[in-house]
Amino acid sequence: MATKKYQIKATIFDKRGKIVSQAKNDYSKTHPKQKIFACKAGENHRIFLHAEILAIIRSKGKGESIYIERYDANGKPMLAAPCKICQLAIKEAGIKEIRYTTGG
């Protein structure tokens, strides 16, 4: 079994800064919303479940901000700007603030 070179985690917060939901990329699952946003972004092949989309699904529309984290195999922070698919999902969810790790 191959080891992932990095891990991505997304956390959604409400207006008061309380955690509403958290998720990690899941390379073995997908979701109809993932497929919808992948198609909208023109990336139909990228249907594995992205952390941002799973966190949005779990937040049930209660998110105000999202923090996206990406770490390499050694735990070092890496650039975690949302991909085109996730940018569309975040915008549609009405999340106003996006923060993410920028690397070491």
Protein backbone atom coordinates (compact mmCIF):
# COMPACT_ATOMS: atom_id res chain seq x y z
CA MET A 1 0.00 0.00 0.00
CA ALA A 2 1.38 3.40 -1.03
CA THR A 3 1.93 6.09 1.60
CA LYS A 4 0.50 9.54 0.92
CA LYS A 5 3.10 12.26 0.47
CA TYR A 6 0.91 14.80 2.25
CA GLN A 7 -2.31 15.23 4.21
CA ILE A 8 -4.98 17.91 3.77
CA LYS A 9 -7.39 18.95 6.51
CA ALA A 10 -10.19 21.54 6.43
CA THR A 11 -11.86 23.14 9.44
CA ILE A 12 -14.96 25.33 9.24
CA PHE A 13 -15.77 27.90 11.92
CA ASP A 14 -18.94 29.82 12.76
CA LYS A 15 -19.15 33.61 13.32
CA ARG A 16 -17.87 33.28 16.90
CA GLY A 17 -14.87 31.16 15.91
CA LYS A 18 -16.34 27.89 17.15
CA ILE A 19 -15.49 24.77 15.13
CA VAL A 20 -18.51 23.65 13.12
CA SER A 21 -16.90 20.79 11.18
CA GLN A 22 -13.59 19.19 10.23
CA ALA A 23 -12.57 16.80 7.48
CA LYS A 24 -9.57 15.26 5.71
CA ASN A 25 -9.14 14.24 2.08
CA ASP A 26 -10.50 10.76 1.47
CA TYR A 27 -8.93 9.00 -1.50
CA SER A 28 -11.27 6.00 -1.26
CA LYS A 29 -14.64 7.80 -1.22
CA THR A 30 -16.58 10.38 -3.18
CA HIS A 31 -19.88 12.25 -2.82
CA PRO A 32 -22.40 13.60 -5.35
CA LYS A 33 -21.45 17.19 -4.39
CA GLN A 34 -17.78 16.41 -5.11
CA LYS A 35 -18.74 15.21 -8.59
CA ILE A 36 -20.92 18.30 -9.21
CA PHE A 37 -18.13 20.74 -8.33
CA ALA A 38 -15.49 18.72 -10.20
CA CYS A 39 -17.66 18.90 -13.34
CA LYS A 40 -18.30 22.64 -12.89
CA ALA A 41 -14.53 23.17 -12.62
CA GLY A 42 -13.89 21.06 -15.73
CA GLU A 43 -12.01 18.43 -13.73
CA ASN A 44 -14.41 15.48 -13.99
CA HIS A 45 -11.65 12.99 -13.10
CA ARG A 46 -11.01 14.52 -9.64
CA ILE A 47 -13.92 12.90 -7.81
CA PHE A 48 -12.11 11.69 -4.68
CA LEU A 49 -13.57 13.49 -1.67
CA HIS A 50 -11.72 16.73 -0.94
CA ALA A 51 -11.42 17.87 2.68
CA GLU A 52 -13.01 21.25 1.95
CA ILE A 53 -16.11 19.74 0.35
CA LEU A 54 -16.56 17.14 3.09
CA ALA A 55 -16.22 19.86 5.75
CA ILE A 56 -18.82 21.96 3.91
CA ILE A 57 -21.21 19.00 3.75
CA ARG A 58 -20.74 18.34 7.47
CA SER A 59 -21.21 22.04 8.39
CA LYS A 60 -24.79 22.05 7.06
CA GLY A 61 -24.52 25.67 5.92
CA LYS A 62 -23.30 27.08 9.23
CA GLY A 63 -19.80 28.10 8.13
CA GLU A 64 -18.38 31.60 8.21
CA SER A 65 -14.68 30.83 7.63
CA ILE A 66 -12.54 27.90 6.57
CA TYR A 67 -8.96 27.00 7.46
CA ILE A 68 -7.20 24.58 5.13
CA GLU A 69 -4.04 22.78 6.28
CA ARG A 70 -1.60 20.71 4.26
CA TYR A 71 1.32 18.84 5.80
CA ASP A 72 4.04 16.71 4.24
CA ALA A 73 4.89 13.20 5.43
CA ASN A 74 7.13 14.70 8.15
CA GLY A 75 4.42 17.05 9.46
CA LYS A 76 5.91 20.17 7.88
CA PRO A 77 3.28 22.75 6.73
CA MET A 78 2.89 23.13 2.96
CA LEU A 79 0.91 25.49 0.70
CA ALA A 80 -2.78 24.58 0.98
CA ALA A 81 -4.60 27.10 -1.22
CA PRO A 82 -7.91 25.56 -2.32
CA CYS A 83 -8.06 24.05 -5.79
CA LYS A 84 -10.50 25.34 -8.43
CA ILE A 85 -13.07 22.70 -7.43
CA CYS A 86 -12.98 23.69 -3.77
CA GLN A 87 -12.98 27.41 -4.55
CA LEU A 88 -16.33 26.92 -6.30
CA ALA A 89 -17.73 24.91 -3.38
CA ILE A 90 -16.54 27.45 -0.79
CA LYS A 91 -18.05 30.33 -2.73
CA GLU A 92 -21.38 28.53 -3.19
CA ALA A 93 -21.45 27.67 0.53
CA GLY A 94 -21.22 31.39 1.34
CA ILE A 95 -18.03 31.05 3.36
CA LYS A 96 -16.57 34.54 3.57
CA GLU A 97 -13.03 33.97 4.82
CA ILE A 98 -10.45 31.46 3.57
CA ARG A 99 -7.20 30.89 5.46
CA TYR A 100 -4.61 28.24 4.68
CA THR A 101 -1.11 27.08 5.48
CA THR A 102 1.56 28.63 3.29
CA GLY A 103 4.53 26.38 3.89
CA GLY A 104 7.76 26.57 5.83
